[in-house]
N, C-alpha and C. Protein backbone atom coordinates (compact mmCIF):
# COMPACT_ATOMS: atom_id res chain seq x y z
N MET A 1 38.10 71.16 -3.02
CA MET A 1 37.12 70.48 -2.60
C MET A 1 36.60 71.17 -0.98
N GLU A 2 35.37 71.72 -0.57
CA GLU A 2 35.16 71.96 0.57
C GLU A 2 35.69 70.77 1.81
N GLU A 3 35.85 71.26 2.70
CA GLU A 3 36.13 70.16 3.84
C GLU A 3 34.82 70.29 4.42
N LYS A 4 34.47 68.84 5.05
CA LYS A 4 33.67 68.52 5.68
C LYS A 4 33.73 68.65 7.17
N VAL A 5 33.03 69.07 7.71
CA VAL A 5 32.71 69.12 9.57
C VAL A 5 32.01 68.26 10.29
N LEU A 6 32.06 67.67 11.10
CA LEU A 6 31.05 67.29 12.05
C LEU A 6 31.08 68.22 13.15
N LYS A 7 30.03 68.64 13.21
CA LYS A 7 29.72 69.59 14.53
C LYS A 7 28.86 68.98 15.56
N VAL A 8 29.28 69.00 16.84
CA VAL A 8 29.04 67.96 17.70
C VAL A 8 28.31 69.17 19.07
N LYS A 9 27.23 68.80 19.45
CA LYS A 9 26.95 69.62 20.61
C LYS A 9 26.63 68.74 21.90
N LEU A 10 27.52 69.18 22.96
CA LEU A 10 27.27 68.37 24.26
C LEU A 10 25.58 68.93 24.87
N LEU A 11 24.93 67.71 25.08
CA LEU A 11 23.46 67.89 25.17
C LEU A 11 22.99 67.76 26.85
N LYS A 12 24.03 66.91 27.57
CA LYS A 12 24.13 66.60 28.68
C LYS A 12 25.47 66.86 29.54
N GLU A 13 25.25 66.73 30.87
CA GLU A 13 26.61 66.61 31.82
C GLU A 13 27.13 65.41 31.58
N GLY A 14 28.36 65.07 31.49
CA GLY A 14 28.81 63.78 31.51
C GLY A 14 29.33 63.54 30.46
N ALA A 15 28.47 64.14 29.21
CA ALA A 15 28.40 63.89 27.86
C ALA A 15 29.83 64.12 27.16
N ALA A 16 30.64 63.05 26.20
CA ALA A 16 31.96 63.43 25.71
C ALA A 16 31.85 63.62 24.25
N LEU A 17 32.86 64.49 23.79
CA LEU A 17 32.90 64.23 22.43
C LEU A 17 33.38 63.06 21.60
N PRO A 18 32.51 62.85 20.58
CA PRO A 18 33.22 61.39 20.09
C PRO A 18 34.47 61.35 19.25
N CYS A 19 35.22 60.53 19.83
CA CYS A 19 37.01 60.75 19.73
C CYS A 19 37.19 58.99 18.63
N ARG A 20 38.22 59.26 17.74
CA ARG A 20 39.14 58.21 17.30
C ARG A 20 40.36 57.67 18.21
N GLU A 21 40.15 56.38 18.31
CA GLU A 21 41.24 56.04 19.43
C GLU A 21 42.46 55.90 18.48
N THR A 22 42.65 55.33 17.49
CA THR A 22 43.99 55.52 16.66
C THR A 22 43.77 56.13 15.20
N ALA A 23 44.84 56.86 14.49
CA ALA A 23 44.73 57.52 13.24
C ALA A 23 44.24 56.69 12.42
N GLY A 24 44.01 55.17 12.59
CA GLY A 24 43.54 54.55 11.43
C GLY A 24 42.18 54.25 11.71
N SER A 25 41.60 54.66 12.46
CA SER A 25 40.14 54.31 13.00
C SER A 25 39.32 54.94 12.17
N ALA A 26 38.01 54.14 11.61
CA ALA A 26 37.24 54.53 10.46
C ALA A 26 36.02 55.20 11.30
N GLY A 27 35.83 55.10 12.54
CA GLY A 27 34.73 55.51 13.17
C GLY A 27 35.04 56.47 14.66
N PHE A 28 34.39 56.99 14.81
CA PHE A 28 34.54 57.66 15.98
C PHE A 28 33.57 57.03 17.42
N ASP A 29 34.50 56.59 18.37
CA ASP A 29 33.39 56.10 19.49
C ASP A 29 32.70 57.16 20.21
N LEU A 30 31.33 56.41 20.35
CA LEU A 30 30.38 56.86 21.15
C LEU A 30 30.50 56.43 22.57
N ARG A 31 30.02 56.95 23.44
CA ARG A 31 30.27 57.12 25.13
C ARG A 31 29.01 57.31 25.44
N ALA A 32 28.51 56.07 26.57
CA ALA A 32 27.30 56.01 26.90
C ALA A 32 27.39 56.80 27.99
N CYS A 33 26.41 58.08 28.30
CA CYS A 33 26.11 58.87 28.91
C CYS A 33 25.08 58.80 30.04
N LEU A 34 25.38 57.99 31.00
CA LEU A 34 24.67 57.37 32.22
C LEU A 34 25.01 58.08 33.33
N GLU A 35 24.01 58.28 34.48
CA GLU A 35 24.17 58.59 35.70
C GLU A 35 24.81 57.40 36.49
N ALA A 36 24.84 56.58 36.24
CA ALA A 36 24.56 55.16 36.86
C ALA A 36 24.84 53.86 35.89
N PRO A 37 25.61 52.84 36.28
CA PRO A 37 25.44 51.66 35.34
C PRO A 37 23.94 51.02 35.24
N LEU A 38 24.21 50.72 33.85
CA LEU A 38 22.84 50.22 33.27
C LEU A 38 22.86 48.62 32.80
N LEU A 39 22.20 47.66 33.55
CA LEU A 39 22.43 46.26 33.85
C LEU A 39 21.41 46.02 32.27
N VAL A 40 22.06 45.24 31.48
CA VAL A 40 21.29 44.51 30.28
C VAL A 40 21.00 43.25 30.28
N GLU A 41 20.17 42.60 30.60
CA GLU A 41 20.05 40.88 30.83
C GLU A 41 19.95 40.41 29.49
N PRO A 42 20.93 39.11 29.39
CA PRO A 42 20.62 38.46 28.13
C PRO A 42 19.31 38.18 27.31
N GLY A 43 19.44 38.89 25.91
CA GLY A 43 18.31 38.61 25.05
C GLY A 43 17.53 39.96 25.16
N ASP A 44 17.93 41.06 26.45
CA ASP A 44 17.26 42.20 26.64
C ASP A 44 17.99 43.29 25.51
N TRP A 45 17.12 44.55 25.50
CA TRP A 45 17.96 45.61 25.02
C TRP A 45 18.07 46.54 25.92
N ALA A 46 18.43 47.96 25.30
CA ALA A 46 18.39 49.07 26.58
C ALA A 46 18.81 50.27 25.40
N MET A 47 17.92 51.23 25.70
CA MET A 47 18.67 52.67 24.72
C MET A 47 19.65 53.51 25.57
N VAL A 48 20.43 53.62 25.02
CA VAL A 48 21.70 54.30 25.67
C VAL A 48 21.86 55.49 25.27
N PRO A 49 21.69 56.47 26.12
CA PRO A 49 22.02 58.09 25.74
C PRO A 49 23.36 58.08 25.45
N THR A 50 23.88 58.77 24.64
CA THR A 50 24.95 59.59 24.59
C THR A 50 25.29 60.91 24.67
N GLY A 51 24.24 61.78 25.27
CA GLY A 51 24.03 62.93 25.74
C GLY A 51 24.73 63.94 24.44
N LEU A 52 24.35 63.58 23.39
CA LEU A 52 25.38 64.06 22.03
C LEU A 52 24.09 64.55 21.13
N GLY A 53 24.28 65.71 20.30
CA GLY A 53 23.26 66.13 18.95
C GLY A 53 24.55 66.33 18.11
N ALA A 54 24.23 66.08 16.88
CA ALA A 54 25.27 66.50 15.62
C ALA A 54 24.43 66.95 14.29
N GLU A 55 25.27 67.84 13.71
CA GLU A 55 25.20 68.06 12.72
C GLU A 55 25.90 67.52 11.71
N ILE A 56 25.23 66.26 10.99
CA ILE A 56 25.93 65.47 10.10
C ILE A 56 26.05 66.21 9.07
N PRO A 57 27.38 66.40 8.21
CA PRO A 57 27.16 67.29 6.98
C PRO A 57 26.37 66.72 5.81
N GLN A 58 25.63 67.70 5.06
CA GLN A 58 25.21 67.40 4.09
C GLN A 58 25.70 66.39 2.73
N GLY A 59 24.94 65.73 2.47
CA GLY A 59 25.67 64.62 1.26
C GLY A 59 25.92 63.67 2.15
N MET A 60 26.07 63.31 3.30
CA MET A 60 26.60 62.43 4.53
C MET A 60 25.46 61.50 5.16
N ALA A 61 25.65 60.73 5.92
CA ALA A 61 24.53 60.00 6.65
C ALA A 61 25.64 59.33 8.00
N GLY A 62 25.02 59.16 9.09
CA GLY A 62 25.93 58.77 10.09
C GLY A 62 25.64 57.59 10.20
N MET A 63 26.64 56.79 10.30
CA MET A 63 26.21 54.86 10.32
C MET A 63 26.63 54.57 11.72
N VAL A 64 25.90 54.01 12.48
CA VAL A 64 25.87 53.75 13.77
C VAL A 64 26.22 52.20 14.08
N PHE A 65 27.37 51.91 14.20
CA PHE A 65 27.75 50.42 14.17
C PHE A 65 28.04 49.93 15.20
N SER A 66 28.08 48.64 15.87
CA SER A 66 28.57 47.78 16.95
C SER A 66 30.31 47.99 17.33
N ARG A 67 30.48 48.20 18.17
CA ARG A 67 31.84 48.05 18.37
C ARG A 67 32.46 46.31 18.44
N SER A 68 33.22 46.24 17.65
CA SER A 68 33.60 44.64 17.43
C SER A 68 34.26 44.01 18.90
N GLY A 69 35.02 44.68 19.51
CA GLY A 69 35.35 44.15 21.17
C GLY A 69 34.20 43.86 21.74
N LEU A 70 33.42 44.91 22.22
CA LEU A 70 32.01 44.60 22.66
C LEU A 70 31.38 43.83 22.42
N GLY A 71 31.01 43.56 20.93
CA GLY A 71 30.43 42.65 20.57
C GLY A 71 30.73 41.21 20.68
N THR A 72 32.13 41.02 20.57
CA THR A 72 32.78 39.70 20.71
C THR A 72 32.87 39.35 22.22
N LYS A 73 33.01 40.23 22.86
CA LYS A 73 33.66 39.78 24.43
C LYS A 73 32.47 39.71 25.32
N SER A 74 31.45 40.27 24.92
CA SER A 74 30.21 40.37 25.54
C SER A 74 28.89 40.23 25.24
N GLY A 75 28.70 40.22 23.87
CA GLY A 75 27.56 40.10 23.24
C GLY A 75 27.05 41.10 23.02
N MET A 76 27.20 42.59 23.35
CA MET A 76 26.25 43.64 23.16
C MET A 76 26.63 44.17 21.77
N VAL A 77 25.43 44.21 20.91
CA VAL A 77 25.74 44.94 19.42
C VAL A 77 24.65 45.89 19.48
N VAL A 78 25.06 46.62 18.57
CA VAL A 78 23.81 47.51 18.03
C VAL A 78 22.49 47.05 17.86
N ALA A 79 21.10 46.92 18.31
CA ALA A 79 20.22 46.48 18.30
C ALA A 79 19.52 46.22 16.54
N GLN A 80 19.41 47.09 16.01
CA GLN A 80 18.90 46.72 14.89
C GLN A 80 20.04 46.53 13.68
N GLY A 81 21.37 46.39 13.85
CA GLY A 81 22.16 46.20 13.16
C GLY A 81 23.02 46.92 12.73
N VAL A 82 22.21 48.24 12.27
CA VAL A 82 22.84 49.39 12.10
C VAL A 82 22.18 50.89 12.41
N GLY A 83 22.75 51.67 13.02
CA GLY A 83 21.82 52.96 13.02
C GLY A 83 22.25 53.82 12.20
N VAL A 84 20.80 54.45 11.32
CA VAL A 84 21.52 55.54 10.48
C VAL A 84 21.00 56.69 11.14
N ILE A 85 21.90 57.67 11.00
CA ILE A 85 21.46 59.05 11.27
C ILE A 85 21.59 59.85 10.02
N ASP A 86 20.41 60.31 9.78
CA ASP A 86 20.27 61.33 8.89
C ASP A 86 20.88 62.85 9.11
N SER A 87 21.22 63.63 7.84
CA SER A 87 21.81 64.64 7.76
C SER A 87 21.10 65.91 8.30
N ASP A 88 19.72 65.82 8.49
CA ASP A 88 18.63 67.04 9.05
C ASP A 88 18.52 66.44 10.19
N TYR A 89 18.76 65.39 11.25
CA TYR A 89 18.54 65.17 12.26
C TYR A 89 19.23 66.01 13.59
N ARG A 90 18.39 66.40 14.53
CA ARG A 90 19.33 67.31 15.46
C ARG A 90 19.08 66.94 16.64
N GLY A 91 18.30 65.80 17.05
CA GLY A 91 17.97 65.34 18.52
C GLY A 91 19.10 64.62 19.04
N GLU A 92 19.31 64.08 20.23
CA GLU A 92 20.02 63.23 20.99
C GLU A 92 20.62 62.08 20.31
N ILE A 93 21.59 61.91 19.90
CA ILE A 93 21.94 60.38 19.76
C ILE A 93 21.83 59.36 20.67
N LYS A 94 21.31 58.11 20.43
CA LYS A 94 20.78 57.42 21.29
C LYS A 94 21.09 56.00 20.86
N VAL A 95 21.96 54.77 21.32
CA VAL A 95 22.24 53.76 20.78
C VAL A 95 21.19 52.49 21.25
N PRO A 96 20.31 51.76 20.36
CA PRO A 96 19.82 50.97 20.98
C PRO A 96 20.77 49.53 20.95
N LEU A 97 21.08 49.03 22.26
CA LEU A 97 22.05 48.24 22.41
C LEU A 97 21.32 46.90 22.81
N ARG A 98 21.53 45.37 22.30
CA ARG A 98 20.96 44.21 22.47
C ARG A 98 22.12 43.36 23.11
N ASN A 99 21.57 42.67 24.19
CA ASN A 99 22.81 41.55 24.66
C ASN A 99 22.16 40.29 23.93
N MET A 100 23.18 40.11 23.20
CA MET A 100 23.39 38.55 22.67
C MET A 100 23.81 37.42 23.16
N GLY A 101 24.39 37.80 24.31
CA GLY A 101 25.32 37.19 25.09
C GLY A 101 24.75 36.21 26.06
N LYS A 102 25.43 35.64 26.98
CA LYS A 102 24.93 34.45 27.83
C LYS A 102 24.76 35.03 29.26
N LYS A 103 25.39 36.06 29.37
CA LYS A 103 25.60 36.41 30.77
C LYS A 103 24.82 37.90 30.86
N ALA A 104 24.56 38.74 31.91
CA ALA A 104 24.38 40.04 32.19
C ALA A 104 25.37 40.72 31.56
N TYR A 105 24.89 42.16 31.20
CA TYR A 105 26.13 43.15 31.15
C TYR A 105 25.88 44.28 31.19
N GLU A 106 26.75 44.89 32.36
CA GLU A 106 25.96 46.79 33.15
C GLU A 106 27.33 47.48 32.25
N ILE A 107 26.57 48.41 31.42
CA ILE A 107 27.53 49.45 30.64
C ILE A 107 27.52 50.46 31.63
N GLN A 108 28.71 50.94 31.84
CA GLN A 108 29.40 51.76 32.35
C GLN A 108 29.11 53.04 31.83
N PRO A 109 28.70 53.96 32.92
CA PRO A 109 28.80 55.59 32.71
C PRO A 109 30.43 55.87 31.86
N GLY A 110 30.05 56.36 30.31
CA GLY A 110 31.52 56.93 30.09
C GLY A 110 32.00 55.77 28.79
N GLU A 111 31.30 54.48 29.27
CA GLU A 111 31.98 53.52 28.05
C GLU A 111 31.95 53.54 26.83
N ARG A 112 32.62 53.34 25.99
CA ARG A 112 32.67 53.26 24.49
C ARG A 112 31.46 52.09 24.18
N VAL A 113 30.20 52.37 23.42
CA VAL A 113 29.39 51.67 23.46
C VAL A 113 29.19 51.25 21.71
N ALA A 114 29.44 52.22 20.81
CA ALA A 114 29.16 52.32 19.44
C ALA A 114 30.24 52.91 18.75
N GLN A 115 30.22 52.65 17.31
CA GLN A 115 31.28 53.86 16.66
C GLN A 115 30.13 54.62 15.48
N LEU A 116 30.52 55.66 15.49
CA LEU A 116 29.94 56.52 14.32
C LEU A 116 30.77 56.53 13.13
N VAL A 117 30.27 56.24 11.91
CA VAL A 117 30.88 56.08 10.52
C VAL A 117 30.33 57.13 9.70
N LEU A 118 30.84 58.46 9.56
CA LEU A 118 30.20 59.05 8.49
C LEU A 118 30.69 58.37 6.81
N LEU A 119 29.26 58.01 5.97
CA LEU A 119 29.67 58.02 5.13
C LEU A 119 28.59 58.71 3.76
N PRO A 120 29.14 58.91 2.51
CA PRO A 120 28.56 59.81 1.46
C PRO A 120 27.08 59.07 1.33
N VAL A 121 26.45 59.55 1.06
CA VAL A 121 24.83 58.91 0.39
C VAL A 121 24.93 59.24 -1.04
N CYS A 122 23.92 58.55 -1.66
CA CYS A 122 23.78 58.95 -3.36
C CYS A 122 22.18 58.55 -3.20
N LEU A 123 21.73 59.63 -3.86
CA LEU A 123 20.21 59.90 -3.67
C LEU A 123 19.75 60.21 -5.34
N PRO A 124 19.69 59.12 -6.15
CA PRO A 124 19.47 59.69 -7.41
C PRO A 124 18.18 59.94 -7.48
N PRO A 125 17.18 60.48 -8.59
CA PRO A 125 15.73 60.80 -8.54
C PRO A 125 15.29 59.10 -8.83
N VAL A 126 14.46 58.83 -8.46
CA VAL A 126 13.36 57.79 -8.49
C VAL A 126 12.56 57.54 -9.51
N GLU A 127 12.42 56.73 -10.76
CA GLU A 127 11.35 56.74 -11.50
C GLU A 127 10.94 55.28 -11.75
N GLU A 128 9.21 55.30 -12.14
CA GLU A 128 8.69 53.89 -12.12
C GLU A 128 9.19 53.77 -13.39
N ALA A 129 9.51 52.23 -13.50
CA ALA A 129 9.76 51.72 -15.03
C ALA A 129 8.46 50.58 -15.20
N GLN A 130 8.61 50.32 -16.45
CA GLN A 130 7.72 49.08 -16.76
C GLN A 130 8.66 47.76 -16.67
N ALA A 131 9.63 47.55 -17.11
CA ALA A 131 10.48 46.51 -17.21
C ALA A 131 12.02 47.08 -16.51
N LEU A 132 12.70 45.93 -16.06
CA LEU A 132 13.98 46.15 -15.54
C LEU A 132 15.11 45.24 -16.31
N SER A 133 16.28 45.77 -16.67
CA SER A 133 17.07 45.43 -17.54
C SER A 133 17.31 43.88 -17.11
N ALA A 134 17.90 43.18 -18.48
CA ALA A 134 17.98 41.56 -18.02
C ALA A 134 19.79 41.40 -17.32
N THR A 135 19.84 40.63 -16.30
CA THR A 135 21.01 40.21 -15.79
C THR A 135 21.71 38.85 -15.79
N GLN A 136 22.41 38.38 -15.69
CA GLN A 136 22.90 36.79 -15.75
C GLN A 136 22.09 36.31 -14.56
N ARG A 137 21.92 36.84 -13.08
CA ARG A 137 21.43 36.21 -12.17
C ARG A 137 19.75 36.32 -12.40
N GLY A 138 19.59 37.62 -12.97
CA GLY A 138 17.68 37.86 -13.09
C GLY A 138 17.05 37.67 -11.75
N GLU A 139 15.99 36.93 -11.46
CA GLU A 139 15.48 37.18 -10.50
C GLU A 139 15.90 36.11 -9.18
N GLY A 140 16.97 35.54 -9.42
CA GLY A 140 17.31 34.71 -8.49
C GLY A 140 17.48 34.94 -7.27
N GLY A 141 16.82 34.53 -5.97
CA GLY A 141 17.00 34.97 -5.05
C GLY A 141 18.05 34.66 -3.79
N PHE A 142 17.95 34.40 -2.74
CA PHE A 142 19.23 34.02 -1.77
C PHE A 142 19.59 33.03 -1.92
N GLY A 143 20.53 33.02 -1.96
CA GLY A 143 22.10 31.60 -2.26
C GLY A 143 21.43 31.14 -3.83
N SER A 144 21.16 32.25 -4.68
CA SER A 144 20.44 31.42 -6.26
C SER A 144 21.98 31.13 -6.89
N THR A 145 23.23 31.91 -6.25
CA THR A 145 24.36 32.08 -7.02
C THR A 145 25.29 30.76 -6.49
N GLY A 146 24.77 29.98 -5.60
CA GLY A 146 25.91 29.21 -5.11
C GLY A 146 26.30 29.46 -3.85
N LYS A 147 27.11 28.21 -3.30
CA LYS A 147 28.28 28.62 -2.50
C LYS A 147 29.36 29.06 -2.28
């Protein structure tokens, strides 16, 4: 099996290659590439540059997740839940962070703001169907299976 490689280009001065903090880390930490601290008020959001471009291996996608410590301690989370980086995107990776906390938060230059996890994608052909197979759940919506 061919080994997949994540190619990363430093686009700005002060950018840092993504890295894993421990051998068991699932994601690569992404750092804020800022010239000065960036204050984010409660309820507001900011687009945080990383100064990085990447070549996500074909057949994979880069998922940008919140860092659990940053989210639970300060309320700073990836604004749309999870960011998706397609394998053909070559622009700068930026992280939209929302302050869900009760206090303003100052993002520091070089601070770890999110994590990048590479996941395989499955892209089967799409075909229109006149009917879908029956299941026990059927068309039951949210909460239809109980607590």
